[in-house]
Amino acid sequence: MSEIKKGKCHCEAVEFEVELDNGLENIRRCNCSLCRRKGSIIASVPIEKLTIVKGEDNLSLYQWNTKTAKHYFCKTCGIYTHHQRRSNPTQFGFNIACIEGVNPFDFKEVGVGDGASQELI
């Protein structure tokens, strides 16, 4: 049975929901040039399972290189909320620290995805 989790940026201008079939899974960091700098811990869901419920017009889009990945940030507070993945464009990665009731420091073992080694086309 899936569950809906609510997330929001720091200033609460942007709110989203994620539908999780098996809870938070495949929690990781990414070592690509952007994720390495932002330091977020992420999980992923199929695109249709993340919905912006408030503040879509307050999201800023950042892209570079192949422009496949789409990274979204709140225009007001600057918090990274989610991104469309380059390695799997049918999924959104999302910042687990934005999810209500989730403390990213509770995850002692966090894997690292190798976004830096993906072939750039």
N, C-alpha and C. Protein backbone atom coordinates (compact mmCIF):
# COMPACT_ATOMS: atom_id res chain seq x y z
N MET A 1 0.85 -1.19 0.00
CA MET A 1 0.00 0.00 0.00
C MET A 1 0.89 1.24 0.00
N SER A 2 0.63 2.12 -0.91
CA SER A 2 1.44 3.33 -1.01
C SER A 2 1.00 4.37 0.02
N GLU A 3 1.92 5.29 0.32
CA GLU A 3 1.58 6.39 1.21
C GLU A 3 2.01 7.70 0.58
N ILE A 4 1.29 8.75 0.91
CA ILE A 4 1.59 10.10 0.41
C ILE A 4 2.34 10.84 1.50
N LYS A 5 3.50 11.38 1.13
CA LYS A 5 4.29 12.22 2.03
C LYS A 5 4.30 13.63 1.48
N LYS A 6 4.22 14.60 2.38
CA LYS A 6 4.24 16.01 1.99
C LYS A 6 5.64 16.57 2.19
N GLY A 7 6.02 17.45 1.27
CA GLY A 7 7.30 18.12 1.37
C GLY A 7 7.15 19.60 1.09
N LYS A 8 8.10 20.37 1.58
CA LYS A 8 8.08 21.80 1.30
C LYS A 8 9.48 22.38 1.44
N CYS A 9 9.65 23.53 0.82
CA CYS A 9 10.92 24.24 0.94
C CYS A 9 10.96 24.94 2.31
N HIS A 10 12.03 25.65 2.60
CA HIS A 10 12.19 26.28 3.91
C HIS A 10 11.16 27.36 4.17
N CYS A 11 10.89 28.22 3.18
CA CYS A 11 9.95 29.33 3.39
C CYS A 11 8.50 28.91 3.19
N GLU A 12 8.28 27.66 2.77
CA GLU A 12 6.96 27.07 2.55
C GLU A 12 6.21 27.65 1.36
N ALA A 13 6.93 28.36 0.48
CA ALA A 13 6.29 28.86 -0.74
C ALA A 13 6.02 27.73 -1.73
N VAL A 14 6.84 26.67 -1.67
CA VAL A 14 6.68 25.51 -2.54
C VAL A 14 6.33 24.30 -1.69
N GLU A 15 5.27 23.62 -2.08
CA GLU A 15 4.87 22.39 -1.41
C GLU A 15 4.64 21.32 -2.46
N PHE A 16 5.01 20.09 -2.12
CA PHE A 16 4.81 18.98 -3.04
C PHE A 16 4.41 17.74 -2.26
N GLU A 17 3.91 16.76 -2.99
CA GLU A 17 3.58 15.46 -2.43
C GLU A 17 4.28 14.39 -3.25
N VAL A 18 4.74 13.36 -2.55
CA VAL A 18 5.30 12.18 -3.22
C VAL A 18 4.52 10.96 -2.78
N GLU A 19 4.22 10.12 -3.73
CA GLU A 19 3.54 8.85 -3.44
C GLU A 19 4.62 7.78 -3.38
N LEU A 20 4.78 7.18 -2.21
CA LEU A 20 5.82 6.19 -1.99
C LEU A 20 5.20 4.81 -1.89
N ASP A 21 5.59 3.92 -2.79
CA ASP A 21 5.06 2.56 -2.79
C ASP A 21 5.67 1.72 -1.67
N ASN A 22 6.94 1.97 -1.35
CA ASN A 22 7.65 1.17 -0.35
C ASN A 22 8.41 2.05 0.63
N GLY A 23 7.84 3.19 0.96
CA GLY A 23 8.54 4.13 1.84
C GLY A 23 9.71 4.76 1.13
N LEU A 24 10.56 5.43 1.88
CA LEU A 24 11.77 6.01 1.30
C LEU A 24 12.75 4.89 1.00
N GLU A 25 13.13 4.75 -0.25
CA GLU A 25 14.06 3.70 -0.63
C GLU A 25 15.11 4.24 -1.59
N ASN A 26 16.21 3.52 -1.70
CA ASN A 26 17.35 3.93 -2.52
C ASN A 26 17.79 5.35 -2.15
N ILE A 27 17.91 5.59 -0.87
CA ILE A 27 18.35 6.90 -0.38
C ILE A 27 19.84 7.03 -0.66
N ARG A 28 20.21 8.17 -1.23
CA ARG A 28 21.60 8.33 -1.66
C ARG A 28 21.97 9.80 -1.83
N ARG A 29 23.24 10.00 -1.96
CA ARG A 29 23.79 11.27 -2.42
C ARG A 29 24.25 11.02 -3.85
N CYS A 30 24.57 12.09 -4.55
CA CYS A 30 25.10 11.97 -5.91
C CYS A 30 26.42 12.74 -5.95
N ASN A 31 27.37 12.22 -6.71
CA ASN A 31 28.67 12.89 -6.78
C ASN A 31 28.87 13.73 -8.04
N CYS A 32 27.78 14.03 -8.76
CA CYS A 32 27.93 14.91 -9.92
C CYS A 32 28.32 16.30 -9.44
N SER A 33 28.74 17.15 -10.35
CA SER A 33 29.26 18.47 -9.97
C SER A 33 28.24 19.33 -9.23
N LEU A 34 26.96 19.23 -9.55
CA LEU A 34 25.94 20.02 -8.85
C LEU A 34 25.58 19.39 -7.51
N CYS A 35 25.25 18.13 -7.50
CA CYS A 35 24.81 17.48 -6.26
C CYS A 35 25.91 17.47 -5.20
N ARG A 36 27.13 17.32 -5.64
CA ARG A 36 28.26 17.36 -4.72
C ARG A 36 28.27 18.69 -3.96
N ARG A 37 27.92 19.76 -4.64
CA ARG A 37 27.93 21.09 -4.02
C ARG A 37 26.70 21.33 -3.15
N LYS A 38 25.54 20.82 -3.57
CA LYS A 38 24.33 21.07 -2.77
C LYS A 38 24.21 20.12 -1.58
N GLY A 39 24.83 18.94 -1.65
CA GLY A 39 24.92 18.05 -0.51
C GLY A 39 23.63 17.39 -0.06
N SER A 40 22.62 17.37 -0.87
CA SER A 40 21.34 16.80 -0.48
C SER A 40 21.36 15.27 -0.48
N ILE A 41 20.52 14.71 0.35
CA ILE A 41 20.24 13.28 0.33
C ILE A 41 18.93 13.12 -0.42
N ILE A 42 18.93 12.24 -1.40
CA ILE A 42 17.76 12.13 -2.27
C ILE A 42 17.20 10.71 -2.29
N ALA A 43 15.95 10.63 -2.70
CA ALA A 43 15.29 9.40 -3.06
C ALA A 43 14.58 9.69 -4.38
N SER A 44 14.05 8.70 -5.05
CA SER A 44 13.41 8.91 -6.35
C SER A 44 12.05 8.25 -6.41
N VAL A 45 11.22 8.81 -7.27
CA VAL A 45 9.90 8.25 -7.59
C VAL A 45 9.64 8.46 -9.07
N PRO A 46 8.77 7.65 -9.68
CA PRO A 46 8.35 7.93 -11.05
C PRO A 46 7.74 9.35 -11.13
N ILE A 47 7.92 10.00 -12.25
CA ILE A 47 7.47 11.39 -12.41
C ILE A 47 6.02 11.58 -11.98
N GLU A 48 5.17 10.64 -12.31
CA GLU A 48 3.74 10.81 -12.00
C GLU A 48 3.45 10.70 -10.50
N LYS A 49 4.45 10.35 -9.70
CA LYS A 49 4.24 10.20 -8.26
C LYS A 49 4.78 11.36 -7.44
N LEU A 50 5.18 12.44 -8.10
CA LEU A 50 5.53 13.69 -7.41
C LEU A 50 4.67 14.79 -8.00
N THR A 51 3.94 15.47 -7.14
CA THR A 51 3.03 16.53 -7.57
C THR A 51 3.33 17.81 -6.81
N ILE A 52 3.47 18.90 -7.55
CA ILE A 52 3.62 20.21 -6.91
C ILE A 52 2.20 20.67 -6.55
N VAL A 53 1.94 20.90 -5.28
CA VAL A 53 0.59 21.29 -4.85
C VAL A 53 0.50 22.78 -4.55
N LYS A 54 1.65 23.45 -4.42
CA LYS A 54 1.64 24.89 -4.16
C LYS A 54 2.97 25.47 -4.61
N GLY A 55 2.92 26.62 -5.28
CA GLY A 55 4.12 27.37 -5.58
C GLY A 55 4.89 26.95 -6.82
N GLU A 56 4.24 26.29 -7.76
CA GLU A 56 4.96 25.90 -8.98
C GLU A 56 5.58 27.11 -9.66
N ASP A 57 4.89 28.24 -9.62
CA ASP A 57 5.41 29.48 -10.21
C ASP A 57 6.58 30.05 -9.41
N ASN A 58 6.84 29.51 -8.24
CA ASN A 58 7.95 29.99 -7.40
C ASN A 58 9.18 29.08 -7.52
N LEU A 59 9.12 28.13 -8.44
CA LEU A 59 10.27 27.25 -8.67
C LEU A 59 11.15 27.83 -9.76
N SER A 60 12.44 27.74 -9.54
CA SER A 60 13.43 28.14 -10.54
C SER A 60 14.04 26.86 -11.10
N LEU A 61 14.26 26.83 -12.40
CA LEU A 61 14.82 25.67 -13.07
C LEU A 61 16.28 25.93 -13.40
N TYR A 62 17.14 24.96 -13.10
CA TYR A 62 18.55 25.05 -13.45
C TYR A 62 18.93 23.82 -14.28
N GLN A 63 19.55 24.07 -15.43
CA GLN A 63 20.03 23.00 -16.30
C GLN A 63 21.41 23.36 -16.84
N TRP A 64 22.17 22.36 -17.20
CA TRP A 64 23.46 22.60 -17.85
C TRP A 64 23.80 21.41 -18.72
N ASN A 65 24.88 21.50 -19.45
CA ASN A 65 25.42 20.45 -20.30
C ASN A 65 24.35 19.89 -21.24
N THR A 66 23.92 18.64 -21.08
CA THR A 66 22.97 18.03 -22.02
C THR A 66 21.55 18.57 -21.84
N LYS A 67 21.31 19.25 -20.75
CA LYS A 67 19.99 19.81 -20.40
C LYS A 67 18.91 18.73 -20.23
N THR A 68 19.34 17.50 -19.96
CA THR A 68 18.39 16.42 -19.69
C THR A 68 17.87 16.53 -18.27
N ALA A 69 18.76 16.69 -17.32
CA ALA A 69 18.35 16.85 -15.92
C ALA A 69 17.76 18.24 -15.73
N LYS A 70 16.72 18.30 -14.91
CA LYS A 70 16.06 19.58 -14.59
C LYS A 70 16.02 19.70 -13.08
N HIS A 71 16.80 20.63 -12.55
CA HIS A 71 16.91 20.82 -11.11
C HIS A 71 16.05 22.01 -10.69
N TYR A 72 15.19 21.80 -9.69
CA TYR A 72 14.25 22.83 -9.26
C TYR A 72 14.58 23.33 -7.86
N PHE A 73 14.52 24.64 -7.71
CA PHE A 73 14.84 25.34 -6.47
C PHE A 73 13.78 26.37 -6.19
N CYS A 74 13.48 26.64 -4.93
CA CYS A 74 12.56 27.71 -4.57
C CYS A 74 13.23 29.05 -4.88
N LYS A 75 12.54 29.93 -5.58
CA LYS A 75 13.07 31.26 -5.92
C LYS A 75 13.25 32.13 -4.68
N THR A 76 12.49 31.86 -3.63
CA THR A 76 12.55 32.71 -2.44
C THR A 76 13.66 32.28 -1.48
N CYS A 77 13.65 31.03 -1.06
CA CYS A 77 14.62 30.59 -0.05
C CYS A 77 15.81 29.83 -0.63
N GLY A 78 15.74 29.42 -1.89
CA GLY A 78 16.85 28.75 -2.55
C GLY A 78 16.97 27.26 -2.31
N ILE A 79 16.03 26.67 -1.59
CA ILE A 79 16.11 25.24 -1.28
C ILE A 79 15.82 24.40 -2.53
N TYR A 80 16.70 23.41 -2.75
CA TYR A 80 16.49 22.42 -3.80
C TYR A 80 15.37 21.49 -3.33
N THR A 81 14.33 21.36 -4.14
CA THR A 81 13.22 20.48 -3.79
C THR A 81 13.27 19.15 -4.54
N HIS A 82 13.53 19.21 -5.86
CA HIS A 82 13.50 17.99 -6.66
C HIS A 82 14.18 18.21 -8.00
N HIS A 83 14.38 17.12 -8.73
CA HIS A 83 14.94 17.22 -10.07
C HIS A 83 14.49 16.04 -10.93
N GLN A 84 14.39 16.29 -12.22
CA GLN A 84 14.17 15.21 -13.17
C GLN A 84 15.55 14.64 -13.47
N ARG A 85 15.71 13.37 -13.30
CA ARG A 85 17.02 12.73 -13.36
C ARG A 85 17.56 12.61 -14.78
N ARG A 86 18.86 12.82 -14.94
CA ARG A 86 19.51 12.59 -16.23
C ARG A 86 19.64 11.10 -16.50
N SER A 87 20.01 10.32 -15.48
CA SER A 87 20.22 8.89 -15.68
C SER A 87 18.91 8.13 -15.90
N ASN A 88 17.79 8.71 -15.46
CA ASN A 88 16.48 8.09 -15.67
C ASN A 88 15.45 9.22 -15.73
N PRO A 89 15.26 9.82 -16.92
CA PRO A 89 14.35 10.97 -17.05
C PRO A 89 12.88 10.67 -16.75
N THR A 90 12.54 9.40 -16.50
CA THR A 90 11.16 9.06 -16.14
C THR A 90 10.95 9.17 -14.63
N GLN A 91 12.00 9.61 -13.91
CA GLN A 91 11.91 9.74 -12.45
C GLN A 91 12.28 11.14 -11.99
N PHE A 92 11.70 11.51 -10.85
CA PHE A 92 12.12 12.69 -10.12
C PHE A 92 12.92 12.22 -8.91
N GLY A 93 14.06 12.83 -8.69
CA GLY A 93 14.76 12.70 -7.42
C GLY A 93 14.25 13.83 -6.54
N PHE A 94 14.14 13.61 -5.25
CA PHE A 94 13.65 14.67 -4.38
C PHE A 94 14.48 14.73 -3.11
N ASN A 95 14.53 15.90 -2.54
CA ASN A 95 15.31 16.19 -1.34
C ASN A 95 14.56 15.65 -0.13
N ILE A 96 15.07 14.59 0.50
CA ILE A 96 14.34 13.99 1.61
C ILE A 96 14.25 14.93 2.82
N ALA A 97 15.15 15.91 2.90
CA ALA A 97 15.10 16.87 4.02
C ALA A 97 13.87 17.78 3.92
N CYS A 98 13.24 17.84 2.75
CA CYS A 98 12.02 18.63 2.58
C CYS A 98 10.77 17.88 3.04
N ILE A 99 10.87 16.57 3.25
CA ILE A 99 9.71 15.75 3.60
C ILE A 99 9.38 15.92 5.08
N GLU A 100 8.10 16.21 5.34
CA GLU A 100 7.64 16.39 6.72
C GLU A 100 7.92 15.14 7.55
N GLY A 101 8.48 15.33 8.74
CA GLY A 101 8.74 14.23 9.65
C GLY A 101 9.99 13.43 9.35
N VAL A 102 10.77 13.83 8.35
CA VAL A 102 11.99 13.11 8.01
C VAL A 102 13.20 13.96 8.42
N ASN A 103 14.08 13.36 9.18
CA ASN A 103 15.32 14.01 9.56
C ASN A 103 16.44 13.31 8.80
N PRO A 104 17.10 13.99 7.85
CA PRO A 104 18.13 13.32 7.06
C PRO A 104 19.30 12.82 7.89
N PHE A 105 19.49 13.34 9.10
CA PHE A 105 20.58 12.89 9.96
C PHE A 105 20.28 11.55 10.62
N ASP A 106 19.03 11.07 10.49
CA ASP A 106 18.68 9.75 11.01
C ASP A 106 19.23 8.62 10.14
N PHE A 107 19.62 8.95 8.90
CA PHE A 107 20.13 7.94 7.97
C PHE A 107 21.65 7.89 8.11
N LYS A 108 22.13 6.92 8.85
CA LYS A 108 23.56 6.83 9.15
C LYS A 108 24.37 6.34 7.95
N GLU A 109 23.82 5.43 7.20
CA GLU A 109 24.50 4.88 6.02
C GLU A 109 23.79 5.39 4.78
N VAL A 110 24.42 6.28 4.05
CA VAL A 110 23.84 6.84 2.83
C VAL A 110 24.78 6.51 1.67
N GLY A 111 24.27 5.78 0.69
CA GLY A 111 25.07 5.43 -0.48
C GLY A 111 25.33 6.64 -1.35
N VAL A 112 26.23 6.48 -2.29
CA VAL A 112 26.57 7.55 -3.22
C VAL A 112 26.37 7.05 -4.64
N GLY A 113 25.49 7.74 -5.38
CA GLY A 113 25.31 7.45 -6.79
C GLY A 113 26.43 8.09 -7.59
N ASP A 114 26.86 7.44 -8.66
CA ASP A 114 28.00 7.92 -9.42
C ASP A 114 27.55 8.74 -10.63
N GLY A 115 26.95 9.89 -10.37
CA GLY A 115 26.55 10.79 -11.46
C GLY A 115 27.72 11.41 -12.19
N ALA A 116 28.87 11.50 -11.55
CA ALA A 116 30.04 12.12 -12.16
C ALA A 116 30.60 11.28 -13.31
N SER A 117 30.41 9.97 -13.30
CA SER A 117 30.99 9.11 -14.31
C SER A 117 30.06 8.84 -15.48
N GLN A 118 28.84 9.34 -15.42
CA GLN A 118 27.92 9.08 -16.52
C GLN A 118 28.44 9.74 -17.78
N GLU A 119 28.29 9.03 -18.88
CA GLU A 119 28.75 9.56 -20.15
C GLU A 119 27.95 10.82 -20.49
N LEU A 120 28.65 11.87 -20.85
CA LEU A 120 28.01 13.12 -21.22
C LEU A 120 27.86 13.17 -22.73
N ILE A 121 26.62 13.33 -23.19
CA ILE A 121 26.38 13.37 -24.62
C ILE A 121 25.73 14.67 -25.03
